[in-house]
Amino acid sequence: MNEGLSTDGVDRVRCIHPWCVTEHGATVHPDDEDHRSTGVALTVRGRRAEARGPGEETELELGALRRAGEFETWIVIETGIGASLALTRDGAQLLLRRLRDLIAPDGILGRDGDES
């Protein structure tokens, strides 16, 4: 029977990233040392790109992730419909700017067809 890994003698360390909620040192497993932010939930109507129809209400979870040993923080978008995406902070800011421009009322994706 697996009794689990002992954390006796492991020092819990305050993280240098103010957004990180990982309890560093709480276990001895290296994957548990990734830096993670608290997830922010957002409910949207969505569907997989290959699907048809009205989609469904789904939860998005947005957060930051920096894996142990990496030097870049990624913005992670996870969905309840089985997809996820990780963008650099610069990439996430570029996506935000481009979406804002594209779906604005005068943007190329801002309206459908003959709407006046």
Protein backbone atom coordinates (compact mmCIF):
# COMPACT_ATOMS: atom_id res chain seq x y z
CA MET A 1 0.00 0.00 0.00
CA ASN A 2 1.30 3.44 -0.89
CA GLU A 3 1.53 5.57 2.21
CA GLY A 4 2.30 8.69 0.20
CA LEU A 5 5.43 10.76 0.22
CA SER A 6 6.55 12.14 3.52
CA THR A 7 6.85 15.90 3.77
CA ASP A 8 8.54 15.78 7.18
CA GLY A 9 11.46 18.15 7.20
CA VAL A 10 10.38 19.90 3.99
CA ASP A 11 10.49 23.69 4.38
CA ARG A 12 7.53 25.55 2.93
CA VAL A 13 8.81 28.58 1.10
CA ARG A 14 7.02 31.84 0.32
CA CYS A 15 7.02 32.30 -3.45
CA ILE A 16 8.72 35.26 -5.14
CA HIS A 17 5.72 35.66 -7.49
CA PRO A 18 2.94 37.59 -5.71
CA TRP A 19 0.26 35.87 -7.85
CA CYS A 20 1.45 32.32 -7.03
CA VAL A 21 -0.75 30.27 -4.70
CA THR A 22 1.38 27.11 -4.79
CA GLU A 23 2.38 25.90 -1.33
CA HIS A 24 6.02 25.42 -2.24
CA GLY A 25 7.66 22.72 -0.20
CA ALA A 26 4.35 21.13 0.79
CA THR A 27 5.33 17.95 -1.06
CA VAL A 28 8.52 16.52 -2.47
CA HIS A 29 7.13 15.95 -5.99
CA PRO A 30 8.81 18.32 -8.51
CA ASP A 31 5.59 18.89 -10.53
CA ASP A 32 4.00 20.33 -7.39
CA GLU A 33 6.53 23.16 -7.47
CA ASP A 34 5.05 24.81 -10.58
CA HIS A 35 3.91 28.38 -9.97
CA ARG A 36 0.14 28.72 -10.38
CA SER A 37 -2.23 31.61 -9.83
CA THR A 38 -5.74 31.32 -8.53
CA GLY A 39 -8.03 30.56 -11.46
CA VAL A 40 -10.59 33.14 -12.51
CA ALA A 41 -13.87 31.63 -13.78
CA LEU A 42 -15.89 33.06 -16.63
CA THR A 43 -19.14 31.55 -17.98
CA VAL A 44 -19.57 31.88 -21.75
CA ARG A 45 -21.49 30.18 -24.54
CA GLY A 46 -19.09 28.22 -26.67
CA ARG A 47 -18.52 25.14 -28.77
CA ARG A 48 -15.66 23.23 -30.30
CA ALA A 49 -14.62 24.73 -33.64
CA GLU A 50 -15.72 21.65 -35.60
CA ALA A 51 -19.18 21.60 -33.97
CA ARG A 52 -22.43 23.10 -35.28
CA GLY A 53 -25.43 24.53 -33.49
CA PRO A 54 -25.91 27.00 -30.68
CA GLY A 55 -23.10 25.72 -28.48
CA GLU A 56 -23.47 25.38 -24.73
CA GLU A 57 -22.74 27.31 -21.60
CA THR A 58 -19.27 26.45 -20.43
CA GLU A 59 -16.82 27.66 -17.85
CA LEU A 60 -13.52 29.17 -18.86
CA GLU A 61 -10.77 29.29 -16.29
CA LEU A 62 -8.08 31.89 -16.75
CA GLY A 63 -4.84 31.90 -14.82
CA ALA A 64 -1.07 32.15 -14.86
CA LEU A 65 1.36 29.23 -14.92
CA ARG A 66 5.13 29.05 -14.76
CA ARG A 67 6.44 25.50 -14.72
CA ALA A 68 9.38 24.66 -12.47
CA GLY A 69 12.63 25.48 -14.21
CA GLU A 70 11.05 27.80 -16.81
CA PHE A 71 11.69 31.52 -17.10
CA GLU A 72 8.43 32.61 -18.72
CA THR A 73 4.95 32.94 -17.27
CA TRP A 74 2.11 31.68 -19.43
CA ILE A 75 -1.51 32.83 -19.42
CA VAL A 76 -3.65 29.70 -19.51
CA ILE A 77 -7.20 29.48 -20.84
CA GLU A 78 -8.91 26.19 -19.99
CA THR A 79 -12.43 25.27 -21.06
CA GLY A 80 -15.14 22.91 -19.94
CA ILE A 81 -15.40 21.60 -23.52
CA GLY A 82 -12.03 19.91 -23.59
CA ALA A 83 -9.66 22.53 -24.94
CA SER A 84 -6.89 24.60 -23.42
CA LEU A 85 -4.42 27.18 -24.61
CA ALA A 86 -1.34 28.75 -23.03
CA LEU A 87 -0.11 32.11 -24.31
CA THR A 88 2.83 34.22 -23.32
CA ARG A 89 1.82 37.46 -21.61
CA ASP A 90 2.77 39.36 -24.78
CA GLY A 91 0.70 36.93 -26.86
CA ALA A 92 -2.31 37.33 -24.54
CA GLN A 93 -2.06 41.13 -24.74
CA LEU A 94 -1.83 40.98 -28.54
CA LEU A 95 -4.87 38.68 -28.69
CA LEU A 96 -6.82 41.08 -26.48
CA ARG A 97 -5.95 44.10 -28.68
CA ARG A 98 -6.73 42.28 -31.92
CA LEU A 99 -10.06 40.94 -30.64
CA ARG A 100 -11.02 44.40 -29.43
CA ASP A 101 -10.30 45.84 -32.90
CA LEU A 102 -11.90 43.00 -34.85
CA ILE A 103 -15.19 42.77 -32.92
CA ALA A 104 -15.71 46.51 -32.35
CA PRO A 105 -18.88 47.82 -34.09
CA ASP A 106 -16.78 49.07 -37.02
CA GLY A 107 -14.45 46.03 -37.02
CA ILE A 108 -14.47 43.41 -39.74
CA LEU A 109 -15.99 40.82 -37.35
CA GLY A 110 -18.18 43.32 -35.50
CA ARG A 111 -21.45 42.37 -37.13
CA ASP A 112 -23.09 39.73 -39.28
CA GLY A 113 -24.48 40.27 -42.77
CA ASP A 114 -27.09 42.94 -43.42
CA GLU A 115 -27.49 44.28 -39.88
CA SER A 116 -27.99 48.03 -39.90
